Protein backbone atom coordinates (compact mmCIF):
# COMPACT_ATOMS: atom_id res chain seq x y z
CA MET A 1 5.85 -33.37 -10.09
CA ARG A 2 3.57 -32.45 -7.21
CA ILE A 3 4.07 -29.24 -5.31
CA ILE A 4 2.10 -28.46 -2.09
CA PHE A 5 1.91 -24.88 -0.89
CA GLN A 6 1.64 -24.24 2.85
CA PRO A 7 -0.22 -22.67 4.80
CA SER A 8 -2.97 -22.54 1.96
CA GLY A 9 -2.79 -26.21 0.99
CA VAL A 10 -2.94 -25.32 -2.60
CA ILE A 11 -1.55 -28.20 -4.84
CA ALA A 12 0.20 -27.58 -8.21
CA GLU A 13 1.92 -29.68 -10.73
CA SER A 14 5.21 -29.02 -12.62
CA SER A 15 6.74 -30.59 -15.65
CA GLY A 16 10.18 -29.33 -14.49
CA ASN A 17 10.34 -26.54 -17.11
CA GLU A 18 9.48 -23.55 -15.12
CA ASN A 19 10.81 -21.94 -11.99
CA LEU A 20 9.02 -21.92 -8.69
CA LEU A 21 8.10 -18.15 -8.98
CA ASP A 22 6.29 -18.81 -12.31
CA ILE A 23 4.46 -21.77 -10.53
CA ILE A 24 3.41 -19.44 -7.72
CA ARG A 25 2.27 -16.92 -10.01
CA GLY A 26 0.25 -19.35 -12.12
CA CYS A 27 -1.60 -20.48 -8.86
CA GLY A 28 -2.61 -16.91 -8.11
CA LEU A 29 -0.58 -17.01 -4.87
CA ALA A 30 1.24 -14.15 -3.33
CA LEU A 31 4.96 -13.69 -2.74
CA PRO A 32 5.46 -10.20 -1.62
CA GLY A 33 9.23 -10.46 -1.50
CA ALA A 34 9.51 -10.96 -5.22
CA VAL A 35 9.87 -7.19 -5.86
CA CYS A 36 11.93 -7.29 -9.02
CA GLY A 37 9.29 -9.23 -11.11
CA GLY A 38 11.45 -12.25 -11.38
CA ARG A 39 14.55 -10.73 -12.96
CA GLY A 40 16.79 -12.13 -10.21
CA VAL A 41 18.16 -8.95 -8.95
CA CYS A 42 16.36 -8.37 -5.71
CA GLY A 43 17.25 -11.53 -3.79
CA LYS A 44 13.80 -11.38 -1.88
CA CYS A 45 11.71 -14.24 -3.19
CA GLY A 46 13.04 -16.61 -0.72
CA VAL A 47 10.77 -19.53 0.40
CA SER A 48 11.16 -22.66 2.31
CA VAL A 49 11.37 -25.82 0.01
CA ASN A 50 11.18 -28.89 2.15
CA GLY A 51 12.66 -26.98 5.00
CA ASN A 52 15.47 -25.33 2.97
CA PHE A 53 15.77 -21.81 1.90
CA LYS A 54 15.51 -21.23 -1.79
CA LEU A 55 15.00 -18.27 -4.22
CA ALA A 56 11.95 -18.93 -5.98
CA CYS A 57 12.93 -17.22 -9.36
CA HIS A 58 16.13 -19.52 -9.55
CA PHE A 59 14.69 -22.71 -8.35
CA ILE A 60 13.16 -25.36 -10.70
CA PRO A 61 11.65 -28.31 -8.88
CA THR A 62 13.00 -31.76 -9.76
CA GLY A 63 10.60 -33.71 -7.67
CA ASP A 64 7.54 -33.54 -5.35
CA ILE A 65 8.30 -30.64 -2.79
CA THR A 66 6.40 -28.78 -0.04
CA VAL A 67 6.81 -24.94 -0.18
CA ARG A 68 5.93 -22.71 2.69
CA LEU A 69 5.04 -19.11 1.57
CA PRO A 70 4.63 -15.99 3.96
CA GLU A 71 1.41 -16.18 5.85
CA GLU A 72 -1.59 -13.94 5.27
CA HIS A 73 -2.55 -11.61 8.12
CA ALA A 74 -5.63 -9.94 9.43
CA ASP A 75 -5.45 -6.26 10.70
CA THR A 76 -8.57 -4.38 11.85
CA LEU A 77 -6.29 -1.49 13.18
CA GLY A 78 -7.38 1.91 11.75
CA PHE A 79 -10.80 0.52 10.20
CA GLN A 80 -13.72 2.27 11.67
CA LEU A 81 -16.74 3.97 9.95
CA PRO A 82 -17.21 7.50 10.89
CA PRO A 83 -19.58 7.78 13.82
CA ASP A 84 -21.94 10.07 12.11
CA PHE A 85 -22.05 7.94 8.93
CA ILE A 86 -25.52 6.91 7.79
CA TYR A 87 -25.84 3.84 5.48
CA ASP A 88 -28.91 3.98 3.24
CA LYS A 89 -28.31 1.59 0.28
CA PHE A 90 -29.64 -1.92 1.35
CA GLU A 91 -32.66 -3.36 3.02
CA SER A 92 -31.71 -6.90 2.60
CA ASP A 93 -30.18 -9.46 4.99
CA GLY A 94 -27.36 -10.10 2.66
CA PHE A 95 -23.55 -9.13 3.03
CA GLY A 96 -21.18 -7.09 1.04
CA CYS A 97 -17.47 -6.92 0.57
CA SER A 98 -15.39 -3.83 0.08
CA PHE A 99 -11.88 -3.81 -1.14
CA ASP A 100 -8.79 -1.61 -1.03
CA ILE A 101 -6.68 -2.77 -3.89
CA GLY A 102 -3.23 -1.46 -2.92
CA THR A 103 -0.03 -1.83 -4.96
CA THR A 104 1.44 -4.25 -2.21
CA THR A 105 -1.54 -5.28 -0.15
CA ILE A 106 -5.15 -6.05 -1.00
CA ALA A 107 -7.46 -5.44 1.99
CA GLY A 108 -11.12 -6.61 2.23
CA ALA A 109 -13.87 -5.78 4.69
CA PHE A 110 -17.06 -8.06 5.24
CA ILE A 111 -20.06 -6.15 6.21
CA LYS A 112 -23.65 -6.93 7.00
CA LEU A 113 -25.68 -4.77 4.58
CA ARG A 114 -28.94 -4.27 6.64
CA THR A 115 -27.04 -2.94 9.84
CA GLY A 116 -23.61 -1.90 8.51
CA TYR A 117 -21.99 -4.25 11.19
CA LEU A 118 -18.45 -4.97 10.26
CA LEU A 119 -17.63 -8.72 10.52
CA GLY A 120 -13.96 -8.45 9.95
CA VAL A 121 -11.09 -7.13 7.84
CA LYS A 122 -8.55 -9.29 6.14
CA SER A 123 -5.42 -8.15 4.27
CA VAL A 124 -3.25 -10.26 1.96
CA PRO A 125 -0.22 -9.46 -0.07
CA ASN A 126 -1.11 -8.43 -3.53
CA PRO A 127 -0.08 -11.31 -5.76
CA GLN A 128 0.74 -8.85 -8.66
CA SER A 129 3.80 -8.04 -6.66
CA ALA A 130 5.29 -11.17 -8.38
CA TYR A 131 5.16 -9.20 -11.59
CA GLY A 132 6.93 -6.02 -10.04
CA ALA A 133 6.84 -3.97 -7.04
CA ASP A 134 5.47 -0.74 -8.47
CA VAL A 135 2.79 0.26 -10.73
CA ILE A 136 5.19 1.30 -13.63
CA THR A 137 6.65 -2.09 -13.77
CA ARG A 138 3.20 -3.74 -13.70
CA ILE A 139 1.96 -1.31 -16.46
CA GLY A 140 4.88 -2.61 -18.62
CA TYR A 141 4.03 -6.20 -17.93
CA ALA A 142 0.51 -5.56 -18.87
CA ALA A 143 1.65 -4.63 -22.35
CA CYS A 144 3.16 -8.15 -22.77
CA GLU A 145 1.14 -10.87 -24.39
CA GLY A 146 -1.35 -12.23 -21.85
CA GLY A 147 0.06 -9.69 -19.16
CA LEU A 148 -3.07 -7.94 -18.45
CA SER A 149 -5.15 -10.94 -18.06
CA ARG A 150 -2.72 -12.47 -15.74
CA LEU A 151 -2.61 -9.36 -13.54
CA LEU A 152 -6.32 -9.27 -13.51
CA GLU A 153 -6.55 -13.00 -12.55
CA SER A 154 -4.06 -12.66 -9.79
CA ALA A 155 -5.98 -9.82 -8.13
CA VAL A 156 -9.31 -11.47 -8.48
CA SER A 157 -7.84 -14.67 -6.98
CA ALA A 158 -6.64 -12.75 -3.83
CA MET A 159 -10.12 -10.98 -3.70
CA ASN A 160 -11.73 -14.46 -3.95
CA GLY A 161 -9.46 -15.83 -1.28
CA ILE A 162 -10.58 -13.09 1.14
CA ILE A 163 -14.25 -13.61 0.24
CA ASN A 164 -13.99 -17.44 0.79
CA ASP A 165 -12.24 -17.02 4.12
CA PHE A 166 -15.07 -14.73 5.34
CA LEU A 167 -17.71 -17.14 4.14
CA ARG A 168 -16.06 -20.23 5.67
CA GLU A 169 -15.66 -18.33 9.06
CA HIS A 170 -19.32 -17.33 9.14
CA GLY A 171 -20.83 -20.43 7.46
CA LEU A 172 -22.13 -18.44 4.42
CA LEU A 173 -22.57 -19.21 0.69
CA HIS A 174 -21.30 -17.21 -2.29
CA LYS A 175 -24.97 -16.28 -3.21
CA ASP A 176 -24.96 -14.45 0.27
CA ILE A 177 -22.67 -11.71 -1.11
CA LYS A 178 -25.05 -9.21 -2.60
CA ALA A 179 -22.73 -6.23 -3.37
CA VAL A 180 -18.92 -5.51 -3.81
CA THR A 181 -17.14 -2.23 -4.04
CA ALA A 182 -13.29 -1.51 -4.65
CA ALA A 183 -10.88 1.43 -4.47
CA GLY A 184 -7.39 1.44 -5.85
CA ASN A 185 -4.93 3.64 -7.62
CA THR A 186 -5.63 4.48 -11.25
CA ALA A 187 -3.35 1.65 -12.54
CA MET A 188 -5.05 -0.89 -10.37
CA SER A 189 -8.58 0.43 -11.42
CA HIS A 190 -7.48 0.00 -15.08
CA ILE A 191 -6.31 -3.61 -14.37
CA LEU A 192 -9.51 -4.59 -12.74
CA MET A 193 -11.58 -3.21 -15.48
CA ASN A 194 -9.38 -5.34 -17.84
CA VAL A 195 -8.43 -1.95 -19.64
CA ASP A 196 -4.95 -1.35 -21.01
CA PRO A 197 -3.04 0.89 -18.58
CA SER A 198 -0.17 1.76 -20.87
CA GLY A 199 -1.16 5.51 -21.26
CA LEU A 200 -0.32 5.97 -17.49
CA ALA A 201 3.34 5.07 -18.06
CA VAL A 202 4.23 8.00 -20.37
CA SER A 203 3.51 11.77 -20.32
CA PRO A 204 0.88 13.22 -20.15
CA PHE A 205 -0.28 10.08 -18.17
CA HIS A 206 -3.87 10.05 -19.51
CA PRO A 207 -6.14 7.33 -17.92
CA VAL A 208 -8.60 5.64 -20.35
CA PHE A 209 -11.39 6.49 -17.83
CA LEU A 210 -12.09 8.19 -14.57
CA ASP A 211 -15.56 6.92 -13.88
CA ALA A 212 -15.84 3.17 -14.31
CA PRO A 213 -19.16 1.45 -15.35
CA VAL A 214 -20.85 -0.64 -12.70
CA LYS A 215 -20.29 -4.43 -13.39
CA THR A 216 -21.49 -7.53 -11.82
CA ALA A 217 -19.52 -9.96 -9.71
CA ASN A 218 -19.88 -12.32 -12.65
CA ASP A 219 -18.33 -9.97 -15.03
CA LEU A 220 -14.93 -10.05 -12.96
CA GLY A 221 -15.22 -13.63 -11.92
CA LEU A 222 -15.82 -12.85 -8.09
CA LEU A 223 -17.25 -15.51 -5.95
CA ALA A 224 -20.49 -13.75 -5.06
CA ASP A 225 -24.10 -13.65 -6.25
CA PRO A 226 -23.53 -13.46 -10.08
CA GLU A 227 -25.82 -10.34 -10.16
CA ALA A 228 -24.19 -8.59 -7.20
CA PRO A 229 -23.14 -5.16 -8.45
CA PHE A 230 -19.42 -4.33 -8.52
CA THR A 231 -18.66 -0.65 -8.00
CA LEU A 232 -15.28 0.82 -8.45
CA LEU A 233 -14.62 4.32 -6.91
CA PRO A 234 -13.83 7.02 -9.32
CA ASN A 235 -10.27 8.13 -10.27
CA ILE A 236 -9.26 11.64 -10.11
CA ALA A 237 -6.21 11.75 -12.67
CA GLY A 238 -3.45 9.58 -14.11
CA HIS A 239 -1.89 8.57 -10.86
CA VAL A 240 -4.37 9.87 -8.34
CA GLY A 241 -6.97 7.15 -8.13
CA GLY A 242 -10.08 5.93 -6.48
CA ASP A 243 -8.20 5.26 -3.33
CA ILE A 244 -7.92 8.98 -2.87
CA SER A 245 -11.61 9.50 -3.83
CA ALA A 246 -12.43 6.94 -1.05
CA GLY A 247 -10.03 8.83 1.29
CA LEU A 248 -11.94 12.10 0.78
CA LEU A 249 -15.12 10.29 1.72
CA ALA A 250 -13.67 8.68 4.77
CA THR A 251 -12.01 11.81 6.14
CA SER A 252 -14.64 14.35 4.84
CA LEU A 253 -11.73 16.49 3.69
CA PRO A 254 -13.68 18.72 1.37
CA LYS A 255 -15.95 19.90 4.12
CA LYS A 256 -13.00 20.97 6.42
CA ALA A 257 -12.40 24.55 7.18
CA GLY A 258 -8.98 26.09 7.01
CA ILE A 259 -5.75 24.20 5.65
CA THR A 260 -5.76 20.44 5.81
CA LEU A 261 -3.29 18.01 4.24
CA LEU A 262 -4.06 14.35 3.53
CA ILE A 263 -1.01 12.11 2.96
CA ASP A 264 -1.30 8.34 1.93
CA ILE A 265 2.11 6.92 2.08
CA GLY A 266 2.43 3.77 0.04
CA THR A 267 4.44 2.48 -2.84
CA ASN A 268 2.79 5.71 -4.50
CA GLY A 269 2.72 8.60 -2.25
CA GLU A 270 -0.68 10.51 -2.83
CA ILE A 271 -1.23 13.95 -1.47
CA VAL A 272 -4.26 16.13 -1.31
CA LEU A 273 -4.31 19.64 0.12
CA ASN A 274 -7.53 21.52 0.91
CA ALA A 275 -6.90 25.19 1.36
CA ASN A 276 -10.09 26.99 2.45
CA GLY A 277 -12.26 24.93 0.17
CA ARG A 278 -10.00 24.63 -2.91
CA MET A 279 -8.46 21.21 -3.28
CA ALA A 280 -5.46 20.02 -5.22
CA ALA A 281 -3.67 16.66 -5.39
CA CYS A 282 -0.59 15.08 -6.64
CA SER A 283 1.03 11.63 -6.84
CA THR A 284 4.83 10.91 -5.92
CA ALA A 285 6.84 7.92 -6.67
CA ALA A 286 7.66 7.27 -3.06
CA GLY A 287 8.75 3.78 -3.99
CA PRO A 288 8.16 0.67 -1.71
CA ALA A 289 11.06 1.35 0.71
CA PHE A 290 8.56 1.97 3.56
CA GLU A 291 6.81 -1.28 2.77
CA GLY A 292 10.08 -3.21 3.23
CA ALA A 293 11.03 -3.65 -0.18
CA CYS A 294 14.44 -2.71 -1.82
CA ILE A 295 15.79 -2.51 1.87
CA LYS A 296 18.48 -5.24 2.76
CA ASN A 297 16.69 -6.63 5.80
CA GLY A 298 13.32 -5.13 4.83
CA MET A 299 10.00 -6.93 5.35
CA SER A 300 6.31 -6.17 5.76
CA ALA A 301 4.88 -5.37 9.20
CA GLY A 302 4.39 -8.91 10.24
CA LYS A 303 5.62 -11.23 13.08
CA GLY A 304 9.31 -10.73 13.63
CA ALA A 305 9.56 -7.36 12.09
CA ILE A 306 11.46 -4.54 13.92
CA ARG A 307 8.80 -1.77 14.31
CA ALA A 308 10.47 0.69 16.58
CA VAL A 309 14.06 1.55 17.29
CA SER A 310 15.87 3.68 20.04
CA ILE A 311 19.46 4.41 20.68
CA SER A 312 20.98 5.40 23.94
CA GLU A 313 24.49 5.25 25.32
CA ASN A 314 25.71 3.29 22.30
CA LYS A 315 22.99 0.68 22.96
CA VAL A 316 20.29 -0.04 20.36
CA THR A 317 16.93 -1.04 21.59
CA VAL A 318 14.26 -2.61 19.20
CA ASP A 319 10.65 -3.56 19.53
CA ILE A 320 9.79 -6.59 17.56
CA ILE A 321 6.22 -7.38 16.38
CA GLY A 322 5.25 -10.60 18.21
CA GLY A 323 8.44 -10.75 20.21
CA GLY A 324 11.15 -13.33 19.72
CA GLU A 325 14.07 -13.04 17.29
CA PRO A 326 13.87 -10.36 14.65
CA ALA A 327 13.35 -11.52 11.02
CA GLY A 328 13.82 -7.99 9.44
CA ILE A 329 12.79 -4.38 9.59
CA CYS A 330 9.46 -2.87 8.53
CA GLY A 331 8.81 0.79 7.39
CA SER A 332 8.08 2.21 10.92
CA GLY A 333 11.24 0.70 12.30
CA LEU A 334 13.21 1.96 9.41
CA VAL A 335 11.95 5.63 10.01
CA ASP A 336 12.76 5.30 13.65
CA ALA A 337 16.16 3.96 12.95
CA VAL A 338 17.05 6.66 10.68
CA SER A 339 15.85 9.33 13.06
CA GLU A 340 17.71 7.88 15.88
CA MET A 341 20.86 7.49 13.76
CA LEU A 342 20.57 11.21 12.76
CA ARG A 343 20.08 12.29 16.46
CA THR A 344 23.14 10.37 17.64
CA GLY A 345 25.53 11.38 14.89
CA VAL A 346 25.69 7.94 13.27
CA LEU A 347 24.17 9.48 10.24
CA GLU A 348 25.14 12.91 8.70
CA GLY A 349 22.61 15.30 7.18
CA SER A 350 23.74 14.57 3.72
CA GLY A 351 22.69 10.99 4.30
CA ARG A 352 26.08 9.38 4.53
CA LEU A 353 26.82 6.93 7.31
CA ALA A 354 29.53 8.58 9.43
CA ARG A 355 31.75 5.34 9.86
CA ASP A 356 30.92 2.02 8.28
CA GLU A 357 28.87 1.14 5.20
CA SER A 358 26.14 -0.14 7.56
CA PHE A 359 24.78 0.07 11.01
CA VAL A 360 23.82 -2.89 13.13
CA LEU A 361 20.65 -2.82 14.87
CA CYS A 362 20.96 -6.22 16.53
CA GLY A 363 23.17 -9.30 15.97
CA GLY A 364 22.43 -12.85 16.85
CA ASP A 365 21.63 -15.64 14.40
CA LYS A 366 20.40 -13.19 11.81
CA LYS A 367 22.07 -9.80 11.90
CA ILE A 368 19.72 -7.04 11.04
CA VAL A 369 21.48 -3.87 9.64
CA VAL A 370 20.67 -0.53 8.00
CA THR A 371 22.86 0.01 4.93
CA GLN A 372 24.13 3.08 3.00
CA HIS A 373 21.74 1.83 0.33
CA ASP A 374 18.98 1.64 2.54
CA ILE A 375 19.40 5.27 3.74
CA ARG A 376 19.47 6.31 0.08
CA GLN A 377 16.09 4.54 -0.51
CA VAL A 378 14.68 6.47 2.34
CA GLN A 379 16.04 9.72 1.14
CA LEU A 380 14.45 9.07 -2.14
CA ALA A 381 10.96 8.25 -0.69
CA LYS A 382 10.96 11.09 1.74
CA ALA A 383 12.26 13.74 -0.88
CA ALA A 384 9.30 12.77 -3.16
CA ILE A 385 6.79 13.21 -0.42
CA SER A 386 8.26 16.53 0.92
CA ALA A 387 8.67 17.94 -2.61
CA GLY A 388 4.97 17.08 -3.41
CA VAL A 389 3.83 18.92 -0.20
CA GLN A 390 6.12 21.96 -1.15
CA VAL A 391 4.53 22.05 -4.67
CA LEU A 392 0.94 21.83 -3.61
CA THR A 393 1.27 24.43 -0.91
CA ALA A 394 2.87 26.75 -3.40
CA PHE A 395 0.29 25.91 -5.93
CA LEU A 396 -2.54 26.86 -3.61
CA GLY A 397 -0.64 29.91 -2.21
CA VAL A 398 -0.30 28.78 1.35
CA ARG A 399 2.51 28.19 3.67
CA ILE A 400 3.48 24.96 5.21
CA GLN A 401 3.64 26.45 8.67
CA ASP A 402 0.01 27.52 8.30
CA ILE A 403 -1.28 23.89 7.93
CA ASP A 404 -3.89 23.33 10.48
CA GLU A 405 -4.17 19.61 10.33
CA ILE A 406 -2.28 16.78 8.65
CA LEU A 407 -4.32 13.60 7.98
CA LEU A 408 -2.08 10.37 7.75
CA ALA A 409 -3.67 7.62 5.96
CA GLY A 410 -2.68 3.99 5.15
CA ALA A 411 -1.37 0.96 6.96
CA PHE A 412 2.11 2.57 7.20
CA GLY A 413 0.53 5.64 8.94
CA ASN A 414 -1.00 3.40 11.61
CA TYR A 415 2.32 2.48 13.01
CA ILE A 416 4.84 5.26 12.28
CA ASN A 417 6.32 7.39 14.98
CA ILE A 418 5.05 10.78 14.11
CA GLN A 419 7.87 12.57 15.70
CA SER A 420 10.50 10.47 13.88
CA ALA A 421 8.65 11.03 10.59
CA ILE A 422 8.95 14.68 11.28
CA ASN A 423 12.47 14.40 12.20
CA ILE A 424 13.74 12.86 8.97
CA GLY A 425 11.44 15.33 6.87
CA LEU A 426 9.09 12.71 5.88
CA LEU A 427 6.25 14.75 7.25
CA PRO A 428 6.13 18.70 7.30
CA GLY A 429 7.90 20.26 10.43
CA VAL A 430 4.66 21.21 12.39
CA ASN A 431 3.73 20.52 15.89
CA PRO A 432 3.02 16.70 16.06
CA SER A 433 -0.30 17.43 17.75
CA ARG A 434 -1.39 18.65 14.28
CA VAL A 435 -0.84 15.21 12.80
CA LYS A 436 -3.99 12.56 12.92
CA ARG A 437 -4.01 9.14 11.99
CA VAL A 438 -6.92 8.28 9.84
CA GLY A 439 -6.46 4.50 9.33
CA ASN A 440 -7.13 2.81 6.14
CA ALA A 441 -8.97 5.68 4.56
CA ALA A 442 -9.26 3.95 1.16
CA GLY A 443 -10.78 0.80 2.66
CA ILE A 444 -13.04 2.82 4.97
CA GLY A 445 -14.47 4.94 1.88
CA ALA A 446 -14.97 1.94 -0.03
CA ALA A 447 -17.05 0.47 2.85
CA MET A 448 -19.00 3.71 2.94
CA ALA A 449 -19.69 3.48 -0.86
CA LEU A 450 -20.81 -0.15 -0.32
CA LEU A 451 -23.30 0.95 2.36
CA SER A 452 -24.54 4.20 0.88
CA GLU A 453 -25.62 5.44 -2.36
CA SER A 454 -25.58 9.01 -1.29
CA ALA A 455 -21.88 8.53 0.02
CA ALA A 456 -20.91 6.84 -3.42
CA LYS A 457 -22.36 9.86 -5.31
CA LYS A 458 -20.68 12.32 -2.86
CA ALA A 459 -17.25 10.58 -3.62
CA ALA A 460 -17.82 10.98 -7.22
CA GLY A 461 -18.83 14.64 -7.16
CA TRP A 462 -15.81 15.51 -4.75
CA ALA A 463 -13.34 13.66 -7.02
CA ARG A 464 -14.36 16.00 -9.92
CA THR A 465 -13.68 19.20 -7.82
CA VAL A 466 -9.99 18.12 -7.10
CA GLU A 467 -7.33 19.97 -9.23
CA HIS A 468 -4.64 17.51 -10.44
CA VAL A 469 -1.08 18.91 -10.14
CA GLU A 470 1.60 17.16 -12.41
CA LEU A 471 4.64 17.73 -10.28
CA SER A 472 7.25 17.29 -13.10
CA ALA A 473 5.51 20.35 -14.88
CA GLN A 474 5.59 22.57 -11.86
CA PRO A 475 8.45 25.15 -11.30
CA GLY A 476 10.36 24.45 -8.37
CA PHE A 477 9.67 20.83 -8.10
CA MET A 478 13.16 19.47 -8.96
CA ASP A 479 14.80 21.98 -6.59
CA ALA A 480 12.50 20.83 -3.80
CA TYR A 481 13.06 17.19 -4.61
CA ILE A 482 16.88 17.72 -4.59
CA ASN A 483 16.74 19.78 -1.29
CA GLY A 484 14.50 17.14 0.28
CA MET A 485 17.24 14.53 -0.11
CA SER A 486 19.00 16.08 2.74
CA PHE A 487 18.17 15.30 6.46
CA ASN A 488 17.81 17.70 9.33
CA ASP A 489 20.91 17.95 11.28
CA GLU A 490 19.39 19.67 14.34
CA ILE A 491 17.36 16.68 15.77
CA GLU A 492 17.24 16.79 19.64
């Protein structure tokens, strides 16, 4: 049987003995909705099969079909090299690619090496999501026979897809790519190096390596000059990875005076606090709620997603990406919705919906609601972040109210309403003017390491100065986490 995937045009064959999700995995394609790893419990791997909705993990093809998958998207918002950055690594006329290997999304930047000119940024869903939404699930899958190699192949396939798109757009060849860098959390780093990450799943969460050896594009199977160096930014600890090393570089956090907090909110919430030159970092299991997973009508921040919500006089107003009818709600919209529901009394401080088991944001052909389960997912995520902040400030002996600046990194941070995030307790209760969006800090740092040998060395040096704080071992963490489950009842 012949299966055509759109919009990519990839063609696969099936004997009728495997479900559609397994076929999608085998092709290295991404299906970001499949957050339960194919166990059939999330109900989010829906695709269009010959125009009809099907759950990929339950559907076994019995004939030739055309399958439409969610489209990839480009997003250059928040990707800008620091104005004082000096690139010093290359004198050739070649090109380079830098990657941010996120748990949910893989983003790539295409850069002219001699000038540092950014030709473009492209992001795609991480196809590893088909094996589980979070790193712990993927670490478990890596332990299965052939699991690690499949996870590696799917990531490389997505990276090659980004490279091919850039080359096609600019009329270039694979041999024109002369260098590649990447930054990712510790688990993603291990998978990219084809190293067993199982030690990261159990206490004391020891990584096999912090500094990875420089490899070549050929070693990984990347579609670039075979001898192009592939450099992975160094990890800091078990669950504080090279993406945070890159973030230190992009923000110059270690050089900042006073008290500065860097928060990267993704499936893993990673936090670094610099208190007068002493740095400490932790990782929190924020979960994928703010990326649309585990939410009844959740979706990523693409066309049709509700990205902002306001409630006045019993009327709900929503802002939809791209306009038109809503398809679901993304993380920024969810934070807005919860903040507004608290403000108007629809939601109690305990997190209990005051009346029904769900709150309707908009009706129409597809009703979009926020359920009691959705609220609990938000509570779990924001409690993890707020507890991490409290533990780090206590560890370094400073007070939250004394924080001079909060740097908010990651794609989610580009869109979130800062006041709404403070209202629900996701961000510390400081004046919103102290919060600064820094864009895709991991991707920016990876690009800086691509263009500058001194920047790459600086990131490695700074990474070794950060003190890692294992939250579960810290006194007061569990109390902070439990207290963080509650919302502020006093939103104005």
